Amino acid sequence: MITVAIAEDDGEIAQHLGKSKAIHLYQVEDGKILKESILPCTEKGHEYMLSLLKENKVQVLVCNGLGKPAVEALEKDKVNIYPALVGDVHEAILEYLDGSLPKVPTERLFHSCCQEGGCHCHCCHEEE
């Protein structure tokens, strides 16, 4: 069984992990959702979010923006990160389950075009 977390704001993938209103947790196995829950985020900041993810034994994180310290901590904890995504949380988990969820390499999050425009690497989807 794998625990997948999606940073969310009102049913959509949150703009930034550290400012998420909630974390949507899915327990998945063999391409199916076994259990689903929503954890309200009572604090802000990447340190709080990282502790919440670690406490819930998250192995996969789907999110939009996150900073380099958060990426480094998640990679150290062997969390598989799907960054730079926008859209509906439910659609994202279905795409994860069927293998069609796009995965931007985390190093591209800090690509100069994204730093200048603040796009959190959406531009990189077009480059591939």
C-alpha atoms as a PDB file:
ATOM      1  CA  MET A   1       0.000   0.000   0.000  1.00  0.00           C
ATOM      2  CA  ILE A   2       1.217   3.507  -0.874  1.00  0.00           C
ATOM      3  CA  THR A   3       0.186   6.800   0.703  1.00  0.00           C
ATOM      4  CA  VAL A   4      -0.301   9.604  -1.828  1.00  0.00           C
ATOM      5  CA  ALA A   5      -0.729  13.187  -0.610  1.00  0.00           C
ATOM      6  CA  ILE A   6      -2.096  16.048  -2.684  1.00  0.00           C
ATOM      7  CA  ALA A   7      -1.693  19.607  -1.407  1.00  0.00           C
ATOM      8  CA  GLU A   8      -5.081  21.219  -1.880  1.00  0.00           C
ATOM      9  CA  ASP A   9      -7.141  24.380  -1.679  1.00  0.00           C
ATOM     10  CA  ASP A  10     -10.875  23.900  -2.120  1.00  0.00           C
ATOM     11  CA  GLY A  11     -10.612  20.771  -4.281  1.00  0.00           C
ATOM     12  CA  GLU A  12      -7.810  22.131  -6.483  1.00  0.00           C
ATOM     13  CA  ILE A  13      -4.075  21.450  -6.257  1.00  0.00           C
ATOM     14  CA  ALA A  14      -2.737  24.202  -3.986  1.00  0.00           C
ATOM     15  CA  GLN A  15      -0.535  26.955  -5.421  1.00  0.00           C
ATOM     16  CA  HIS A  16       2.191  26.323  -2.840  1.00  0.00           C
ATOM     17  CA  LEU A  17       2.772  23.416  -0.477  1.00  0.00           C
ATOM     18  CA  GLY A  18       3.579  25.666   2.482  1.00  0.00           C
ATOM     19  CA  LYS A  19       0.317  27.581   2.114  1.00  0.00           C
ATOM     20  CA  SER A  20      -2.050  24.671   1.484  1.00  0.00           C
ATOM     21  CA  LYS A  21      -5.408  24.681   3.250  1.00  0.00           C
ATOM     22  CA  ALA A  22      -5.421  20.877   3.441  1.00  0.00           C
ATOM     23  CA  ILE A  23      -3.614  17.707   2.485  1.00  0.00           C
ATOM     24  CA  HIS A  24      -5.737  15.119   0.707  1.00  0.00           C
ATOM     25  CA  LEU A  25      -4.447  11.645   1.593  1.00  0.00           C
ATOM     26  CA  TYR A  26      -5.076   8.525  -0.431  1.00  0.00           C
ATOM     27  CA  GLN A  27      -4.114   4.975   0.500  1.00  0.00           C
ATOM     28  CA  VAL A  28      -3.701   3.189  -2.834  1.00  0.00           C
ATOM     29  CA  GLU A  29      -2.871  -0.327  -3.916  1.00  0.00           C
ATOM     30  CA  ASP A  30      -3.023  -2.113  -7.254  1.00  0.00           C
ATOM     31  CA  GLY A  31      -4.368   0.990  -9.001  1.00  0.00           C
ATOM     32  CA  LYS A  32      -7.264   1.436  -6.570  1.00  0.00           C
ATOM     33  CA  ILE A  33      -8.065   3.877  -3.788  1.00  0.00           C
ATOM     34  CA  LEU A  34      -8.508   1.931  -0.562  1.00  0.00           C
ATOM     35  CA  LYS A  35      -8.955   4.879   1.778  1.00  0.00           C
ATOM     36  CA  GLU A  36      -9.222   8.632   1.429  1.00  0.00           C
ATOM     37  CA  SER A  37      -9.064  11.418   4.010  1.00  0.00           C
ATOM     38  CA  ILE A  38      -8.496  15.156   4.243  1.00  0.00           C
ATOM     39  CA  LEU A  39      -6.159  16.682   6.811  1.00  0.00           C
ATOM     40  CA  PRO A  40      -6.838  20.376   7.437  1.00  0.00           C
ATOM     41  CA  CYS A  41      -3.615  22.385   7.671  1.00  0.00           C
ATOM     42  CA  THR A  42      -3.709  24.312  10.922  1.00  0.00           C
ATOM     43  CA  GLU A  43      -0.354  26.005  10.301  1.00  0.00           C
ATOM     44  CA  LYS A  44       1.603  27.315   7.307  1.00  0.00           C
ATOM     45  CA  GLY A  45       5.168  26.820   6.137  1.00  0.00           C
ATOM     46  CA  HIS A  46       7.161  23.994   4.645  1.00  0.00           C
ATOM     47  CA  GLU A  47       8.481  22.707   7.974  1.00  0.00           C
ATOM     48  CA  TYR A  48       4.943  22.129   9.243  1.00  0.00           C
ATOM     49  CA  MET A  49       3.888  20.521   5.960  1.00  0.00           C
ATOM     50  CA  LEU A  50       6.940  18.257   5.901  1.00  0.00           C
ATOM     51  CA  SER A  51       6.248  17.064   9.435  1.00  0.00           C
ATOM     52  CA  LEU A  52       2.609  16.397   8.504  1.00  0.00           C
ATOM     53  CA  LEU A  53       3.672  14.364   5.472  1.00  0.00           C
ATOM     54  CA  LYS A  54       6.264  12.425   7.457  1.00  0.00           C
ATOM     55  CA  GLU A  55       3.807  11.747  10.288  1.00  0.00           C
ATOM     56  CA  ASN A  56       1.377  10.254   7.757  1.00  0.00           C
ATOM     57  CA  LYS A  57       4.091   8.185   6.034  1.00  0.00           C
ATOM     58  CA  VAL A  58       3.530   9.825   2.654  1.00  0.00           C
ATOM     59  CA  GLN A  59       5.464   8.177  -0.188  1.00  0.00           C
ATOM     60  CA  VAL A  60       4.122  10.269  -3.092  1.00  0.00           C
ATOM     61  CA  LEU A  61       3.405  14.016  -3.103  1.00  0.00           C
ATOM     62  CA  VAL A  62       1.397  15.784  -5.797  1.00  0.00           C
ATOM     63  CA  CYS A  63       1.698  19.562  -5.592  1.00  0.00           C
ATOM     64  CA  ASN A  64       2.242  22.767  -7.499  1.00  0.00           C
ATOM     65  CA  GLY A  65       4.968  24.974  -6.063  1.00  0.00           C
ATOM     66  CA  LEU A  66       7.482  24.196  -3.368  1.00  0.00           C
ATOM     67  CA  GLY A  67      10.871  25.600  -2.495  1.00  0.00           C
ATOM     68  CA  LYS A  68      14.283  24.034  -2.751  1.00  0.00           C
ATOM     69  CA  PRO A  69      14.573  23.244   1.006  1.00  0.00           C
ATOM     70  CA  ALA A  70      11.274  21.342   0.868  1.00  0.00           C
ATOM     71  CA  VAL A  71      12.345  19.447  -2.269  1.00  0.00           C
ATOM     72  CA  GLU A  72      15.650  18.484  -0.652  1.00  0.00           C
ATOM     73  CA  ALA A  73      13.938  17.287   2.541  1.00  0.00           C
ATOM     74  CA  LEU A  74      11.341  15.274   0.601  1.00  0.00           C
ATOM     75  CA  GLU A  75      13.992  13.693  -1.598  1.00  0.00           C
ATOM     76  CA  LYS A  76      16.039  12.816   1.494  1.00  0.00           C
ATOM     77  CA  ASP A  77      12.935  11.060   2.891  1.00  0.00           C
ATOM     78  CA  LYS A  78      12.533   9.250  -0.466  1.00  0.00           C
ATOM     79  CA  VAL A  79       9.178  10.884  -1.255  1.00  0.00           C
ATOM     80  CA  ASN A  80       8.325  10.678  -4.962  1.00  0.00           C
ATOM     81  CA  ILE A  81       7.389  14.259  -5.945  1.00  0.00           C
ATOM     82  CA  TYR A  82       5.012  15.270  -8.744  1.00  0.00           C
ATOM     83  CA  PRO A  83       5.483  19.076  -8.766  1.00  0.00           C
ATOM     84  CA  ALA A  84       4.311  21.976 -10.941  1.00  0.00           C
ATOM     85  CA  LEU A  85       0.781  20.646 -11.351  1.00  0.00           C
ATOM     86  CA  VAL A  86      -2.529  22.475 -11.361  1.00  0.00           C
ATOM     87  CA  GLY A  87      -6.114  21.278 -11.530  1.00  0.00           C
ATOM     88  CA  ASP A  88      -8.655  19.168  -9.742  1.00  0.00           C
ATOM     89  CA  VAL A  89      -7.419  16.932  -6.909  1.00  0.00           C
ATOM     90  CA  HIS A  90      -9.711  14.036  -7.854  1.00  0.00           C
ATOM     91  CA  GLU A  91      -8.546  14.112 -11.483  1.00  0.00           C
ATOM     92  CA  ALA A  92      -4.916  14.179 -10.300  1.00  0.00           C
ATOM     93  CA  ILE A  93      -5.276  11.016  -8.221  1.00  0.00           C
ATOM     94  CA  LEU A  94      -7.008   9.246 -11.115  1.00  0.00           C
ATOM     95  CA  GLU A  95      -4.149  10.273 -13.433  1.00  0.00           C
ATOM     96  CA  TYR A  96      -1.636   9.048 -10.856  1.00  0.00           C
ATOM     97  CA  LEU A  97      -3.423   5.704 -10.660  1.00  0.00           C
ATOM     98  CA  ASP A  98      -3.498   5.216 -14.438  1.00  0.00           C
ATOM     99  CA  GLY A  99       0.101   6.416 -14.876  1.00  0.00           C
ATOM    100  CA  SER A 100      -0.719   9.530 -16.899  1.00  0.00           C
ATOM    101  CA  LEU A 101       0.103  12.163 -14.250  1.00  0.00           C
ATOM    102  CA  PRO A 102       2.877  14.364 -15.709  1.00  0.00           C
ATOM    103  CA  LYS A 103       6.123  14.439 -13.768  1.00  0.00           C
ATOM    104  CA  VAL A 104       8.423  17.433 -14.025  1.00  0.00           C
ATOM    105  CA  PRO A 105      11.942  16.691 -12.765  1.00  0.00           C
ATOM    106  CA  THR A 106      12.412  18.635  -9.523  1.00  0.00           C
ATOM    107  CA  GLU A 107      15.570  20.329 -10.801  1.00  0.00           C
ATOM    108  CA  ARG A 108      13.424  22.073 -13.397  1.00  0.00           C
ATOM    109  CA  LEU A 109      11.477  23.807 -10.636  1.00  0.00           C
ATOM    110  CA  PHE A 110      14.432  26.110 -10.251  1.00  0.00           C
ATOM    111  CA  HIS A 111      14.895  26.733 -13.981  1.00  0.00           C
ATOM    112  CA  SER A 112      15.585  30.409 -14.740  1.00  0.00           C
ATOM    113  CA  CYS A 113      12.374  30.948 -16.739  1.00  0.00           C
ATOM    114  CA  CYS A 114      10.364  29.854 -13.731  1.00  0.00           C
ATOM    115  CA  GLN A 115      12.353  31.916 -11.252  1.00  0.00           C
ATOM    116  CA  GLU A 116      11.862  35.075 -13.312  1.00  0.00           C
ATOM    117  CA  GLY A 117       8.201  34.549 -14.166  1.00  0.00           C
ATOM    118  CA  GLY A 118       7.115  32.812 -10.988  1.00  0.00           C
ATOM    119  CA  CYS A 119       5.416  30.110 -13.055  1.00  0.00           C
ATOM    120  CA  HIS A 120       6.583  27.179 -10.914  1.00  0.00           C
ATOM    121  CA  CYS A 121       7.753  25.445 -14.062  1.00  0.00           C
ATOM    122  CA  HIS A 122       4.489  25.232 -15.997  1.00  0.00           C
ATOM    123  CA  CYS A 123       6.558  26.435 -18.955  1.00  0.00           C
ATOM    124  CA  CYS A 124       8.635  23.273 -18.733  1.00  0.00           C
ATOM    125  CA  HIS A 125       5.639  21.122 -19.660  1.00  0.00           C
ATOM    126  CA  GLU A 126       5.728  22.753 -23.079  1.00  0.00           C
ATOM    127  CA  GLU A 127       9.449  22.061 -23.556  1.00  0.00           C
ATOM    128  CA  GLU A 128       9.099  18.289 -23.315  1.00  0.00           C
END
